[in-house]
Amino acid sequence: MSTKEKILNTASALFGEYGYFGASMSDIAKKINITKTTLYYYFKSKRDLYKKIIEHAFKNLELHLQEVEKIKNPTKKISKLIEKYLEFCAKEKNILLSLVTNFPKKDTEIKFHIKKLKENLNKEIANFLKDSFKVYKENQIDIKTLTNTLTEIMNGKVLESSFLNSKENLKKSAKKITEILFR
């Protein structure tokens, strides 16, 4: 594994455990036994390192969600989408932390970056919902509101599971959420 990969993996774990504000560049350098100078050789700032980690996590989530596209049954498709989202966010706490962390005004660059990544993810989720709900709904539904609501429900489920240190069955949770959506 290259030094850059070690930095990304270590920083991802530390940011996931302690959040953006709880992990320092010194912590990251110490953890992999390199100097801060070496760390800054690869990433010019903590902000740039965090942005790279979050970007990579969002891309991985999108890849996981693309596996769902092959499913034809709309209810099963949405249930699998929710399950994949819950599983991924439970593993990749950086995604969830980035979605719920309120960055200070001076960190508008990170806020903007996360906002763009979240918008792209919401577009992908919205496409799944459009395809699935056109089968069940003849009248127009507000996909944007539905997407935002579903995303917040899923984020809440992952947060609840994380705070309570619970290993709740994610398939069961996905099925319950899907049942509510398709009532």
Protein backbone atom coordinates (compact mmCIF):
# COMPACT_ATOMS: atom_id res chain seq x y z
CA MET A 1 0.00 0.00 0.00
CA SER A 2 1.36 3.41 -0.95
CA THR A 3 1.90 6.19 1.58
CA LYS A 4 -0.97 8.15 0.06
CA GLU A 5 -3.33 5.17 0.45
CA LYS A 6 -2.18 4.69 4.07
CA ILE A 7 -2.89 8.36 4.74
CA LEU A 8 -6.36 8.14 3.19
CA ASN A 9 -7.26 4.94 5.04
CA THR A 10 -5.96 6.17 8.39
CA ALA A 11 -7.50 9.62 8.05
CA SER A 12 -10.81 8.07 7.01
CA ALA A 13 -10.84 5.88 10.12
CA LEU A 14 -9.89 8.77 12.42
CA PHE A 15 -12.41 11.18 10.88
CA GLY A 16 -15.03 8.44 11.09
CA GLU A 17 -14.28 7.87 14.76
CA TYR A 18 -13.61 11.42 15.97
CA GLY A 19 -15.17 13.61 13.29
CA TYR A 20 -13.53 16.36 11.30
CA PHE A 21 -12.85 18.52 14.33
CA GLY A 22 -11.67 15.70 16.61
CA ALA A 23 -8.93 14.33 14.35
CA SER A 24 -5.83 16.39 13.67
CA MET A 25 -3.15 16.15 11.02
CA SER A 26 -0.72 15.32 13.87
CA ASP A 27 -2.95 12.39 14.91
CA ILE A 28 -2.99 11.09 11.36
CA ALA A 29 0.78 11.42 10.92
CA LYS A 30 1.49 9.73 14.27
CA LYS A 31 -0.89 6.86 13.56
CA ILE A 32 1.01 5.87 10.39
CA ASN A 33 4.42 6.87 11.68
CA ILE A 34 5.21 9.65 9.21
CA THR A 35 6.09 13.29 9.73
CA LYS A 36 3.58 16.07 9.33
CA THR A 37 5.80 17.38 6.54
CA THR A 38 5.29 14.12 4.66
CA LEU A 39 1.56 14.34 5.27
CA TYR A 40 1.47 17.90 3.92
CA TYR A 41 3.46 16.74 0.89
CA TYR A 42 0.47 14.62 -0.13
CA PHE A 43 -2.33 16.91 1.08
CA LYS A 44 -1.91 20.66 1.42
CA SER A 45 -4.42 20.91 4.29
CA LYS A 46 -6.74 18.96 6.55
CA ARG A 47 -9.61 20.40 4.54
CA ASP A 48 -8.21 18.96 1.28
CA LEU A 49 -7.64 15.57 2.88
CA TYR A 50 -11.18 15.49 4.27
CA LYS A 51 -12.68 16.55 0.94
CA LYS A 52 -10.81 13.75 -0.82
CA ILE A 53 -12.02 11.16 1.71
CA ILE A 54 -15.63 12.32 1.51
CA GLU A 55 -15.52 12.43 -2.29
CA HIS A 56 -14.17 8.88 -2.38
CA ALA A 57 -16.84 7.68 0.09
CA PHE A 58 -19.67 9.24 -1.96
CA LYS A 59 -18.33 7.62 -5.14
CA ASN A 60 -18.24 4.25 -3.39
CA LEU A 61 -21.81 4.73 -2.18
CA GLU A 62 -22.94 5.55 -5.71
CA LEU A 63 -21.25 2.35 -6.95
CA HIS A 64 -23.09 0.34 -4.30
CA LEU A 65 -26.38 1.92 -5.31
CA GLN A 66 -25.78 1.17 -8.99
CA GLU A 67 -25.99 -2.55 -8.16
CA VAL A 68 -29.68 -1.92 -7.44
CA GLU A 69 -30.45 -0.73 -10.99
CA LYS A 70 -30.75 -4.31 -12.26
CA ILE A 71 -33.72 -5.10 -10.03
CA LYS A 72 -37.02 -4.87 -11.94
CA ASN A 73 -39.60 -5.13 -9.13
CA PRO A 74 -40.13 -1.54 -7.86
CA THR A 75 -40.74 -2.50 -4.22
CA LYS A 76 -37.72 -4.81 -4.11
CA LYS A 77 -35.65 -2.17 -5.87
CA ILE A 78 -36.42 0.52 -3.29
CA SER A 79 -35.96 -1.92 -0.41
CA LYS A 80 -32.53 -2.93 -1.76
CA LEU A 81 -31.62 0.74 -2.33
CA ILE A 82 -32.44 1.51 1.31
CA GLU A 83 -30.59 -1.58 2.52
CA LYS A 84 -27.46 -0.70 0.51
CA TYR A 85 -27.56 2.90 1.74
CA LEU A 86 -27.93 1.82 5.38
CA GLU A 87 -25.17 -0.78 5.12
CA PHE A 88 -22.75 1.61 3.44
CA CYS A 89 -23.35 4.51 5.83
CA ALA A 90 -23.02 2.19 8.83
CA LYS A 91 -19.58 1.17 7.55
CA GLU A 92 -18.50 4.54 6.17
CA LYS A 93 -19.27 6.86 9.05
CA ASN A 94 -17.53 9.71 7.20
CA ILE A 95 -20.49 10.01 4.85
CA LEU A 96 -23.01 10.28 7.63
CA LEU A 97 -20.85 12.60 9.71
CA SER A 98 -20.36 14.88 6.71
CA LEU A 99 -24.11 15.03 6.15
CA VAL A 100 -24.96 15.98 9.73
CA THR A 101 -21.91 18.01 10.83
CA ASN A 102 -22.43 21.73 10.89
CA PHE A 103 -19.17 23.22 9.66
CA PRO A 104 -18.27 26.77 10.74
CA LYS A 105 -18.78 29.64 8.32
CA LYS A 106 -15.06 29.73 7.58
CA ASP A 107 -15.31 26.21 6.16
CA THR A 108 -17.66 27.16 3.33
CA GLU A 109 -15.43 25.24 0.91
CA ILE A 110 -16.17 21.95 2.70
CA LYS A 111 -19.85 22.82 3.10
CA PHE A 112 -20.13 23.59 -0.62
CA HIS A 113 -18.26 20.42 -1.58
CA ILE A 114 -20.47 18.22 0.61
CA LYS A 115 -23.59 20.00 -0.64
CA LYS A 116 -22.63 19.19 -4.25
CA LEU A 117 -21.89 15.55 -3.43
CA LYS A 118 -25.19 15.27 -1.54
CA GLU A 119 -27.09 16.82 -4.47
CA ASN A 120 -25.58 14.27 -6.86
CA LEU A 121 -26.51 11.43 -4.51
CA ASN A 122 -30.06 12.78 -4.14
CA LYS A 123 -30.41 12.93 -7.95
CA GLU A 124 -29.46 9.27 -8.15
CA ILE A 125 -31.91 8.31 -5.38
CA ALA A 126 -34.60 10.45 -7.03
CA ASN A 127 -34.15 8.51 -10.29
CA PHE A 128 -34.72 5.24 -8.44
CA LEU A 129 -37.83 6.67 -6.82
CA LYS A 130 -39.22 8.04 -10.12
CA ASP A 131 -38.84 4.66 -11.79
CA SER A 132 -40.40 2.82 -8.88
CA PHE A 133 -43.29 5.12 -8.12
CA LYS A 134 -44.49 5.65 -11.68
CA VAL A 135 -45.72 2.06 -11.54
CA TYR A 136 -47.85 2.74 -8.46
CA LYS A 137 -48.85 6.36 -8.82
CA GLU A 138 -50.70 7.77 -11.77
CA ASN A 139 -50.81 11.26 -10.33
CA GLN A 140 -47.74 13.40 -9.95
CA ILE A 141 -45.74 13.03 -6.73
CA ASP A 142 -43.13 15.40 -5.43
CA ILE A 143 -39.98 13.33 -5.99
CA LYS A 144 -37.68 15.96 -4.47
CA THR A 145 -39.59 15.98 -1.19
CA LEU A 146 -39.85 12.20 -1.22
CA THR A 147 -36.09 11.88 -1.86
CA ASN A 148 -35.20 14.30 0.94
CA THR A 149 -37.59 12.60 3.35
CA LEU A 150 -36.29 9.13 2.53
CA THR A 151 -32.67 10.26 2.86
CA GLU A 152 -33.35 11.84 6.25
CA ILE A 153 -35.13 8.69 7.46
CA MET A 154 -32.18 6.57 6.36
CA ASN A 155 -29.65 8.95 7.94
CA GLY A 156 -31.68 8.92 11.15
CA LYS A 157 -31.72 5.12 11.17
CA VAL A 158 -27.94 4.95 10.76
CA LEU A 159 -27.40 7.62 13.44
CA GLU A 160 -29.71 5.81 15.84
CA SER A 161 -27.92 2.54 15.22
CA SER A 162 -24.53 4.22 15.64
CA PHE A 163 -25.40 6.08 18.87
CA LEU A 164 -27.04 3.05 20.44
CA ASN A 165 -24.22 0.81 19.21
CA SER A 166 -26.93 -1.48 17.91
CA LYS A 167 -26.44 -4.13 15.28
CA GLU A 168 -30.02 -3.99 14.08
CA ASN A 169 -30.80 -6.04 11.02
CA LEU A 170 -30.51 -3.58 8.14
CA LYS A 171 -32.59 -5.77 5.81
CA LYS A 172 -35.42 -5.61 8.34
CA SER A 173 -35.08 -1.84 8.63
CA ALA A 174 -35.06 -1.46 4.84
CA LYS A 175 -38.17 -3.60 4.57
CA LYS A 176 -40.01 -1.56 7.24
CA ILE A 177 -39.14 1.74 5.54
CA THR A 178 -40.20 0.34 2.15
CA GLU A 179 -43.53 -0.84 3.56
CA ILE A 180 -44.20 2.69 4.81
CA LEU A 181 -43.34 4.18 1.41
CA PHE A 182 -45.60 1.85 -0.53
CA ARG A 183 -48.69 2.07 1.68
